[in-house]
């Protein structure tokens, strides 16, 4: 999906070529077919080739994935997820980054989220 989001559309061969440690061509085709069956990918035919594209924007897909992670691993508790992200961070947040997070939290509170 990362390749499709970066390129906007690609053939199976192009997806495979863009992967750092690609599996075989058949495995890439199978994965694209599965993603299409699940509704994440669409395709159009261009001659003998299929050109694949994501059905949703990266942002929409990211929000959906985050909601599933929140429900699966944090029982829907946003505060536990944020605490987990802060614990797992590879680097210490800068004062500016902490201030931005505080602003986001304050805004969410004002909006009743």
N, C-alpha and C. Protein backbone atom coordinates (compact mmCIF):
# COMPACT_ATOMS: atom_id res chain seq x y z
N UNK A 1 0.83 -1.19 0.00
CA UNK A 1 0.00 0.00 0.00
C UNK A 1 0.87 1.25 0.00
N UNK A 2 1.99 1.19 0.69
CA UNK A 2 2.87 2.35 0.74
C UNK A 2 3.32 2.75 -0.67
N UNK A 3 3.67 1.77 -1.47
CA UNK A 3 4.11 2.04 -2.84
C UNK A 3 2.96 2.68 -3.63
N UNK A 4 1.78 2.13 -3.52
CA UNK A 4 0.63 2.68 -4.25
C UNK A 4 0.30 4.10 -3.80
N UNK A 5 0.40 4.35 -2.50
CA UNK A 5 0.12 5.71 -2.02
C UNK A 5 1.19 6.69 -2.50
N UNK A 6 2.44 6.26 -2.51
CA UNK A 6 3.50 7.16 -2.98
C UNK A 6 3.38 7.44 -4.47
N UNK A 7 3.08 6.42 -5.25
CA UNK A 7 3.05 6.56 -6.71
C UNK A 7 1.68 6.93 -7.25
N UNK A 8 0.63 6.75 -6.46
CA UNK A 8 -0.77 6.96 -6.83
C UNK A 8 -1.33 5.81 -7.65
N UNK A 9 -0.52 5.20 -8.51
CA UNK A 9 -0.92 4.01 -9.24
C UNK A 9 0.33 3.30 -9.73
N UNK A 10 0.22 1.96 -9.90
CA UNK A 10 1.37 1.19 -10.34
C UNK A 10 0.93 -0.21 -10.76
N UNK A 11 1.71 -0.81 -11.62
CA UNK A 11 1.48 -2.21 -11.98
C UNK A 11 2.11 -3.08 -10.89
N UNK A 12 1.81 -4.38 -10.92
CA UNK A 12 2.40 -5.30 -9.95
C UNK A 12 3.92 -5.28 -10.08
N UNK A 13 4.42 -5.23 -11.30
CA UNK A 13 5.88 -5.21 -11.50
C UNK A 13 6.49 -3.93 -10.91
N UNK A 14 5.81 -2.81 -11.06
CA UNK A 14 6.31 -1.55 -10.50
C UNK A 14 6.27 -1.57 -8.98
N UNK A 15 5.20 -2.15 -8.41
CA UNK A 15 5.12 -2.28 -6.96
C UNK A 15 6.29 -3.12 -6.47
N UNK A 16 6.50 -4.26 -7.11
CA UNK A 16 7.59 -5.16 -6.72
C UNK A 16 8.94 -4.46 -6.82
N UNK A 17 9.17 -3.72 -7.89
CA UNK A 17 10.45 -3.04 -8.10
C UNK A 17 10.71 -1.97 -7.04
N UNK A 18 9.65 -1.41 -6.47
CA UNK A 18 9.80 -0.35 -5.48
C UNK A 18 9.97 -0.89 -4.06
N UNK A 19 9.84 -2.20 -3.88
CA UNK A 19 9.96 -2.79 -2.55
C UNK A 19 11.43 -3.07 -2.22
N UNK A 20 11.84 -2.84 -0.96
CA UNK A 20 13.24 -3.05 -0.60
C UNK A 20 13.67 -4.53 -0.66
N UNK A 21 12.86 -5.43 -0.20
CA UNK A 21 13.16 -6.87 -0.25
C UNK A 21 11.93 -7.56 -0.84
N UNK A 22 11.76 -7.46 -2.14
CA UNK A 22 10.50 -7.93 -2.73
C UNK A 22 10.36 -9.45 -2.74
N UNK A 23 9.14 -9.90 -2.51
CA UNK A 23 8.85 -11.32 -2.71
C UNK A 23 8.75 -11.58 -4.22
N UNK A 24 8.39 -12.75 -4.60
CA UNK A 24 8.23 -13.05 -6.02
C UNK A 24 7.08 -12.27 -6.64
N UNK A 25 7.11 -12.17 -7.96
CA UNK A 25 6.08 -11.45 -8.69
C UNK A 25 4.69 -12.01 -8.38
N UNK A 26 4.56 -13.34 -8.35
CA UNK A 26 3.27 -13.98 -8.07
C UNK A 26 2.74 -13.60 -6.70
N UNK A 27 3.61 -13.48 -5.72
CA UNK A 27 3.19 -13.10 -4.37
C UNK A 27 2.67 -11.65 -4.36
N UNK A 28 3.33 -10.78 -5.10
CA UNK A 28 2.88 -9.39 -5.18
C UNK A 28 1.51 -9.33 -5.85
N UNK A 29 1.34 -10.05 -6.95
CA UNK A 29 0.03 -10.10 -7.63
C UNK A 29 -1.05 -10.63 -6.70
N UNK A 30 -0.74 -11.70 -5.96
CA UNK A 30 -1.71 -12.29 -5.04
C UNK A 30 -2.09 -11.28 -3.95
N UNK A 31 -1.12 -10.58 -3.42
CA UNK A 31 -1.40 -9.59 -2.37
C UNK A 31 -2.26 -8.45 -2.91
N UNK A 32 -1.97 -7.99 -4.11
CA UNK A 32 -2.78 -6.93 -4.71
C UNK A 32 -4.22 -7.41 -4.94
N UNK A 33 -4.37 -8.67 -5.35
CA UNK A 33 -5.71 -9.23 -5.55
C UNK A 33 -6.47 -9.27 -4.22
N UNK A 34 -5.79 -9.71 -3.16
CA UNK A 34 -6.41 -9.76 -1.83
C UNK A 34 -6.80 -8.37 -1.37
N UNK A 35 -5.91 -7.40 -1.55
CA UNK A 35 -6.21 -6.02 -1.17
C UNK A 35 -7.40 -5.48 -1.95
N UNK A 36 -7.52 -5.89 -3.21
CA UNK A 36 -8.66 -5.46 -4.01
C UNK A 36 -9.94 -6.11 -3.51
N UNK A 37 -9.89 -7.40 -3.20
CA UNK A 37 -11.06 -8.10 -2.67
C UNK A 37 -11.54 -7.47 -1.36
N UNK A 38 -10.62 -6.98 -0.56
CA UNK A 38 -10.96 -6.35 0.72
C UNK A 38 -11.39 -4.90 0.56
N UNK A 39 -11.28 -4.36 -0.65
CA UNK A 39 -11.75 -3.00 -0.91
C UNK A 39 -10.72 -1.91 -0.72
N UNK A 40 -9.45 -2.26 -0.55
CA UNK A 40 -8.42 -1.25 -0.35
C UNK A 40 -7.81 -0.75 -1.65
N UNK A 41 -7.91 -1.57 -2.70
CA UNK A 41 -7.25 -1.29 -3.98
C UNK A 41 -8.26 -1.46 -5.10
N UNK A 42 -8.08 -0.70 -6.17
CA UNK A 42 -8.86 -0.87 -7.39
C UNK A 42 -7.89 -1.01 -8.55
N UNK A 43 -8.38 -1.46 -9.69
CA UNK A 43 -7.49 -1.55 -10.84
C UNK A 43 -8.23 -1.14 -12.11
N UNK A 44 -7.43 -0.81 -13.10
CA UNK A 44 -7.93 -0.60 -14.45
C UNK A 44 -7.01 -1.37 -15.38
N UNK A 45 -7.56 -1.80 -16.49
CA UNK A 45 -6.74 -2.57 -17.42
C UNK A 45 -6.16 -1.63 -18.47
N UNK A 46 -4.89 -1.80 -18.71
CA UNK A 46 -4.17 -1.00 -19.71
C UNK A 46 -3.45 -2.00 -20.62
N UNK A 47 -4.09 -2.34 -21.71
CA UNK A 47 -3.55 -3.41 -22.57
C UNK A 47 -3.65 -4.72 -21.82
N UNK A 48 -2.53 -5.42 -21.72
CA UNK A 48 -2.51 -6.70 -21.00
C UNK A 48 -2.19 -6.51 -19.51
N UNK A 49 -1.89 -5.28 -19.09
CA UNK A 49 -1.48 -5.02 -17.70
C UNK A 49 -2.63 -4.49 -16.87
N UNK A 50 -2.58 -4.79 -15.59
CA UNK A 50 -3.47 -4.16 -14.62
C UNK A 50 -2.69 -3.05 -13.94
N UNK A 51 -3.31 -1.89 -13.83
CA UNK A 51 -2.71 -0.77 -13.12
C UNK A 51 -3.53 -0.58 -11.85
N UNK A 52 -2.87 -0.70 -10.71
CA UNK A 52 -3.54 -0.65 -9.41
C UNK A 52 -3.41 0.73 -8.78
N UNK A 53 -4.43 1.08 -7.97
CA UNK A 53 -4.43 2.36 -7.26
C UNK A 53 -5.16 2.17 -5.94
N UNK A 54 -4.80 2.95 -4.92
CA UNK A 54 -5.53 2.85 -3.65
C UNK A 54 -6.94 3.43 -3.80
N UNK A 55 -7.89 2.86 -3.09
CA UNK A 55 -9.26 3.38 -3.12
C UNK A 55 -9.43 4.60 -2.22
N UNK A 56 -8.59 4.71 -1.19
CA UNK A 56 -8.68 5.82 -0.25
C UNK A 56 -7.35 6.58 -0.22
N UNK A 57 -7.41 7.82 0.19
CA UNK A 57 -6.19 8.60 0.36
C UNK A 57 -5.37 8.00 1.51
N UNK A 58 -4.11 8.32 1.54
CA UNK A 58 -3.25 7.86 2.64
C UNK A 58 -3.80 8.33 3.98
N UNK A 59 -4.28 9.56 4.03
CA UNK A 59 -4.80 10.12 5.28
C UNK A 59 -6.03 9.36 5.76
N UNK A 60 -6.97 9.08 4.86
CA UNK A 60 -8.18 8.34 5.22
C UNK A 60 -7.83 6.92 5.66
N UNK A 61 -6.96 6.27 4.92
CA UNK A 61 -6.53 4.91 5.28
C UNK A 61 -5.81 4.91 6.62
N UNK A 62 -4.99 5.92 6.87
CA UNK A 62 -4.28 6.02 8.14
C UNK A 62 -5.22 6.17 9.32
N UNK A 63 -6.23 6.99 9.16
CA UNK A 63 -7.22 7.17 10.23
C UNK A 63 -7.96 5.87 10.52
N UNK A 64 -8.33 5.17 9.46
CA UNK A 64 -9.03 3.90 9.61
C UNK A 64 -8.14 2.88 10.32
N UNK A 65 -6.88 2.80 9.93
CA UNK A 65 -5.94 1.86 10.56
C UNK A 65 -5.73 2.23 12.03
N UNK A 66 -5.62 3.52 12.30
CA UNK A 66 -5.41 3.96 13.68
C UNK A 66 -6.60 3.60 14.56
N UNK A 67 -7.80 3.73 14.03
CA UNK A 67 -9.01 3.34 14.79
C UNK A 67 -9.00 1.86 15.10
N UNK A 68 -8.56 1.03 14.13
CA UNK A 68 -8.50 -0.41 14.38
C UNK A 68 -7.44 -0.73 15.43
N UNK A 69 -6.29 -0.07 15.36
CA UNK A 69 -5.23 -0.28 16.35
C UNK A 69 -5.71 0.15 17.73
N UNK A 70 -6.37 1.28 17.80
CA UNK A 70 -6.89 1.79 19.06
C UNK A 70 -7.86 0.79 19.68
N UNK A 71 -8.77 0.25 18.88
CA UNK A 71 -9.75 -0.72 19.37
C UNK A 71 -9.09 -2.04 19.75
N UNK A 72 -8.16 -2.51 18.94
CA UNK A 72 -7.54 -3.82 19.14
C UNK A 72 -6.57 -3.85 20.31
N UNK A 73 -5.70 -2.86 20.41
CA UNK A 73 -4.62 -2.92 21.39
C UNK A 73 -4.82 -2.03 22.62
N UNK A 74 -5.71 -1.05 22.54
CA UNK A 74 -5.86 -0.11 23.65
C UNK A 74 -7.30 -0.02 24.15
N UNK A 75 -8.14 -0.98 23.79
CA UNK A 75 -9.56 -0.98 24.20
C UNK A 75 -10.25 0.35 23.96
N UNK A 76 -9.83 1.04 22.91
CA UNK A 76 -10.45 2.31 22.55
C UNK A 76 -9.99 3.49 23.38
N UNK A 77 -9.03 3.29 24.28
CA UNK A 77 -8.58 4.35 25.19
C UNK A 77 -7.48 5.17 24.52
N UNK A 78 -7.83 6.36 24.09
CA UNK A 78 -6.88 7.24 23.40
C UNK A 78 -5.70 7.57 24.30
N UNK A 79 -5.96 7.81 25.58
CA UNK A 79 -4.88 8.19 26.49
C UNK A 79 -3.83 7.08 26.61
N UNK A 80 -4.27 5.82 26.56
CA UNK A 80 -3.31 4.71 26.63
C UNK A 80 -2.48 4.63 25.34
N UNK A 81 -3.13 4.90 24.22
CA UNK A 81 -2.41 4.88 22.94
C UNK A 81 -1.37 6.00 22.90
N UNK A 82 -1.74 7.19 23.33
CA UNK A 82 -0.79 8.31 23.33
C UNK A 82 0.36 8.02 24.28
N UNK A 83 0.05 7.49 25.46
CA UNK A 83 1.12 7.14 26.40
C UNK A 83 2.03 6.08 25.80
N UNK A 84 1.46 5.11 25.10
CA UNK A 84 2.26 4.08 24.45
C UNK A 84 3.15 4.66 23.37
N UNK A 85 2.62 5.58 22.60
CA UNK A 85 3.43 6.22 21.56
C UNK A 85 4.57 7.02 22.16
N UNK A 86 4.30 7.72 23.24
CA UNK A 86 5.36 8.51 23.87
C UNK A 86 6.42 7.60 24.47
N UNK A 87 6.01 6.47 25.05
CA UNK A 87 6.98 5.51 25.61
C UNK A 87 7.83 4.88 24.52
N UNK A 88 7.23 4.65 23.36
CA UNK A 88 7.91 3.95 22.27
C UNK A 88 8.74 4.88 21.39
N UNK A 89 8.63 6.17 21.60
CA UNK A 89 9.34 7.14 20.75
C UNK A 89 10.84 6.92 20.84
N UNK A 90 11.50 6.94 19.70
CA UNK A 90 12.95 6.76 19.64
C UNK A 90 13.71 7.99 20.11
N UNK A 91 13.03 9.11 20.11
CA UNK A 91 13.71 10.33 20.51
C UNK A 91 12.83 11.10 21.48
N UNK A 92 13.46 11.96 22.24
CA UNK A 92 12.73 12.82 23.16
C UNK A 92 12.06 13.94 22.37
N UNK A 93 10.82 14.25 22.72
CA UNK A 93 10.11 15.32 22.02
C UNK A 93 10.69 16.68 22.41
N UNK A 94 10.77 17.55 21.44
CA UNK A 94 11.28 18.90 21.69
C UNK A 94 10.19 19.70 22.41
N UNK A 95 10.57 20.80 23.05
CA UNK A 95 9.55 21.66 23.66
C UNK A 95 8.50 22.13 22.66
N UNK A 96 8.91 22.41 21.43
CA UNK A 96 7.96 22.85 20.40
C UNK A 96 6.97 21.73 20.06
N UNK A 97 7.47 20.49 19.96
CA UNK A 97 6.59 19.36 19.67
C UNK A 97 5.62 19.11 20.82
N UNK A 98 6.10 19.21 22.05
CA UNK A 98 5.22 19.05 23.21
C UNK A 98 4.15 20.14 23.24
N UNK A 99 4.54 21.36 22.91
CA UNK A 99 3.58 22.47 22.88
C UNK A 99 2.52 22.24 21.81
N UNK A 100 2.94 21.75 20.66
CA UNK A 100 1.98 21.47 19.59
C UNK A 100 0.99 20.38 20.02
N UNK A 101 1.49 19.34 20.68
CA UNK A 101 0.59 18.29 21.19
C UNK A 101 -0.40 18.86 22.21
N UNK A 102 0.09 19.72 23.08
CA UNK A 102 -0.81 20.35 24.06
C UNK A 102 -1.89 21.18 23.36
N UNK A 103 -1.51 21.88 22.31
CA UNK A 103 -2.48 22.67 21.55
C UNK A 103 -3.54 21.78 20.90
N UNK A 104 -3.10 20.65 20.34
CA UNK A 104 -4.03 19.70 19.71
C UNK A 104 -5.01 19.18 20.76
N UNK A 105 -4.51 18.84 21.94
CA UNK A 105 -5.36 18.31 23.01
C UNK A 105 -6.36 19.38 23.47
N UNK A 106 -5.88 20.61 23.64
CA UNK A 106 -6.78 21.71 24.05
C UNK A 106 -7.88 21.93 23.01
N UNK A 107 -7.52 21.91 21.73
CA UNK A 107 -8.49 22.09 20.66
C UNK A 107 -9.52 20.98 20.66
N UNK A 108 -9.06 19.75 20.86
CA UNK A 108 -9.97 18.61 20.92
C UNK A 108 -10.95 18.77 22.07
N UNK A 109 -10.47 19.26 23.20
CA UNK A 109 -11.34 19.50 24.35
C UNK A 109 -12.40 20.55 24.05
N UNK A 110 -11.99 21.61 23.37
CA UNK A 110 -12.95 22.67 23.00
C UNK A 110 -14.02 22.15 22.06
N UNK A 111 -13.63 21.21 21.20
CA UNK A 111 -14.58 20.64 20.22
C UNK A 111 -15.36 19.46 20.77
N UNK A 112 -15.09 19.12 22.03
CA UNK A 112 -15.82 18.02 22.66
C UNK A 112 -15.37 16.64 22.21
N UNK A 113 -14.16 16.53 21.71
CA UNK A 113 -13.64 15.22 21.30
C UNK A 113 -12.82 14.61 22.39
